[in-house]
N, C-alpha and C. Protein backbone atom coordinates (compact mmCIF):
# COMPACT_ATOMS: atom_id res chain seq x y z
N UNK A 1 -33.18 -33.78 -9.75
CA UNK A 1 -32.53 -34.73 -8.86
C UNK A 1 -32.03 -35.95 -9.63
N UNK A 2 -32.85 -36.49 -10.53
CA UNK A 2 -32.44 -37.70 -11.25
C UNK A 2 -31.32 -37.35 -12.21
N UNK A 3 -30.21 -38.04 -12.02
CA UNK A 3 -29.04 -37.78 -12.86
C UNK A 3 -28.90 -38.92 -13.86
N UNK A 4 -28.49 -38.60 -15.06
CA UNK A 4 -28.31 -39.61 -16.08
C UNK A 4 -27.09 -40.44 -15.71
N UNK A 5 -27.29 -41.74 -15.59
CA UNK A 5 -26.18 -42.64 -15.24
C UNK A 5 -25.28 -42.81 -16.45
N UNK A 6 -23.97 -42.81 -16.19
CA UNK A 6 -23.01 -42.99 -17.27
C UNK A 6 -22.38 -44.36 -17.13
N UNK A 7 -21.82 -44.84 -18.19
CA UNK A 7 -21.22 -46.16 -18.23
C UNK A 7 -20.08 -46.27 -17.22
N UNK A 8 -20.00 -47.41 -16.54
CA UNK A 8 -18.92 -47.64 -15.59
C UNK A 8 -17.58 -47.77 -16.30
N UNK A 9 -17.62 -48.12 -17.58
CA UNK A 9 -16.37 -48.29 -18.32
C UNK A 9 -15.87 -46.97 -18.91
N UNK A 10 -16.68 -45.91 -18.83
CA UNK A 10 -16.29 -44.60 -19.35
C UNK A 10 -15.43 -43.90 -18.29
N UNK A 11 -14.12 -43.98 -18.44
CA UNK A 11 -13.18 -43.45 -17.45
C UNK A 11 -13.33 -41.94 -17.30
N UNK A 12 -13.52 -41.23 -18.39
CA UNK A 12 -13.67 -39.78 -18.33
C UNK A 12 -14.92 -39.40 -17.53
N UNK A 13 -15.99 -40.14 -17.70
CA UNK A 13 -17.22 -39.85 -16.97
C UNK A 13 -17.04 -40.13 -15.48
N UNK A 14 -16.29 -41.19 -15.14
CA UNK A 14 -16.04 -41.50 -13.73
C UNK A 14 -15.21 -40.42 -13.08
N UNK A 15 -14.20 -39.92 -13.76
CA UNK A 15 -13.36 -38.86 -13.21
C UNK A 15 -14.16 -37.58 -13.02
N UNK A 16 -15.05 -37.28 -13.97
CA UNK A 16 -15.88 -36.09 -13.87
C UNK A 16 -16.80 -36.17 -12.66
N UNK A 17 -17.40 -37.33 -12.42
CA UNK A 17 -18.32 -37.49 -11.30
C UNK A 17 -17.57 -37.43 -9.96
N UNK A 18 -16.31 -37.88 -9.93
CA UNK A 18 -15.52 -37.81 -8.71
C UNK A 18 -15.16 -36.39 -8.36
N UNK A 19 -14.81 -35.60 -9.37
CA UNK A 19 -14.37 -34.23 -9.12
C UNK A 19 -15.54 -33.27 -8.89
N UNK A 20 -16.73 -33.65 -9.35
CA UNK A 20 -17.89 -32.79 -9.16
C UNK A 20 -18.27 -32.76 -7.69
N UNK A 21 -18.35 -31.57 -7.12
CA UNK A 21 -18.68 -31.45 -5.70
C UNK A 21 -20.17 -31.67 -5.51
N UNK A 22 -20.52 -32.43 -4.48
CA UNK A 22 -21.92 -32.61 -4.16
C UNK A 22 -22.23 -31.75 -2.94
N UNK A 23 -23.40 -31.14 -2.94
CA UNK A 23 -23.78 -30.25 -1.87
C UNK A 23 -24.92 -30.84 -1.06
N UNK A 24 -24.90 -30.60 0.23
CA UNK A 24 -25.86 -31.15 1.16
C UNK A 24 -27.25 -30.56 0.93
N UNK A 25 -28.27 -31.41 0.95
CA UNK A 25 -29.64 -30.92 0.78
C UNK A 25 -30.17 -30.26 2.04
N UNK A 26 -29.52 -30.53 3.19
CA UNK A 26 -29.97 -29.95 4.46
C UNK A 26 -29.39 -28.55 4.70
N UNK A 27 -28.06 -28.41 4.54
CA UNK A 27 -27.43 -27.14 4.89
C UNK A 27 -26.87 -26.39 3.70
N UNK A 28 -26.72 -27.04 2.54
CA UNK A 28 -26.23 -26.37 1.35
C UNK A 28 -24.72 -26.30 1.24
N UNK A 29 -23.99 -26.81 2.23
CA UNK A 29 -22.54 -26.80 2.19
C UNK A 29 -22.04 -28.03 1.43
N UNK A 30 -20.75 -28.03 1.11
CA UNK A 30 -20.15 -29.17 0.44
C UNK A 30 -20.18 -30.37 1.37
N UNK A 31 -20.58 -31.52 0.85
CA UNK A 31 -20.73 -32.72 1.67
C UNK A 31 -19.36 -33.35 1.93
N UNK A 32 -19.07 -33.58 3.20
CA UNK A 32 -17.88 -34.31 3.59
C UNK A 32 -18.36 -35.46 4.47
N UNK A 33 -18.19 -36.68 3.98
CA UNK A 33 -18.71 -37.86 4.67
C UNK A 33 -17.55 -38.67 5.23
N UNK A 34 -17.69 -39.08 6.51
CA UNK A 34 -16.65 -39.91 7.14
C UNK A 34 -17.31 -41.14 7.76
N UNK A 35 -16.52 -42.18 7.95
CA UNK A 35 -16.99 -43.38 8.61
C UNK A 35 -16.74 -43.24 10.11
N UNK A 36 -17.80 -43.24 10.90
CA UNK A 36 -17.69 -43.11 12.35
C UNK A 36 -17.98 -44.47 12.98
N UNK A 37 -17.17 -44.85 13.96
CA UNK A 37 -17.35 -46.12 14.66
C UNK A 37 -17.71 -45.80 16.10
N UNK A 38 -18.86 -46.29 16.55
CA UNK A 38 -19.30 -46.04 17.92
C UNK A 38 -18.54 -46.96 18.88
N UNK A 39 -18.60 -46.67 20.19
CA UNK A 39 -17.88 -47.51 21.16
C UNK A 39 -18.29 -48.99 21.14
N UNK A 40 -19.54 -49.27 20.77
CA UNK A 40 -19.96 -50.68 20.71
C UNK A 40 -19.61 -51.34 19.38
N UNK A 41 -18.91 -50.63 18.48
CA UNK A 41 -18.42 -51.21 17.24
C UNK A 41 -19.30 -51.02 16.03
N UNK A 42 -20.43 -50.31 16.18
CA UNK A 42 -21.31 -50.09 15.04
C UNK A 42 -20.74 -48.99 14.15
N UNK A 43 -20.71 -49.25 12.84
CA UNK A 43 -20.16 -48.30 11.89
C UNK A 43 -21.30 -47.56 11.21
N UNK A 44 -21.11 -46.26 10.98
CA UNK A 44 -22.08 -45.51 10.20
C UNK A 44 -21.40 -44.33 9.53
N UNK A 45 -21.96 -43.94 8.40
CA UNK A 45 -21.44 -42.80 7.66
C UNK A 45 -22.04 -41.53 8.23
N UNK A 46 -21.21 -40.53 8.48
CA UNK A 46 -21.70 -39.28 9.04
C UNK A 46 -21.33 -38.12 8.14
N UNK A 47 -22.21 -37.15 8.04
CA UNK A 47 -21.95 -35.93 7.28
C UNK A 47 -21.36 -34.90 8.20
N UNK A 48 -20.16 -34.42 7.87
CA UNK A 48 -19.54 -33.40 8.71
C UNK A 48 -20.07 -32.01 8.38
N UNK A 49 -20.67 -31.85 7.22
CA UNK A 49 -21.15 -30.54 6.81
C UNK A 49 -22.29 -30.05 7.70
N UNK A 50 -23.10 -30.95 8.23
CA UNK A 50 -24.27 -30.57 9.01
C UNK A 50 -23.98 -30.44 10.51
N UNK A 51 -22.81 -30.85 10.93
CA UNK A 51 -22.49 -30.79 12.36
C UNK A 51 -21.85 -29.47 12.69
N UNK A 52 -22.18 -28.95 13.85
CA UNK A 52 -21.56 -27.74 14.35
C UNK A 52 -21.97 -26.57 13.59
């Protein structure tokens, strides 16, 4: 689980981490996270991979 942190100034490392797909620990599918806003205005991040 513990991943070696790479330098923020290392552009190649940042691009690699962006393109690397992360998988959900609950369902095993690719994680797709969206910002959901409830009717009362509260914001929260939701995983679409675990829904439905």
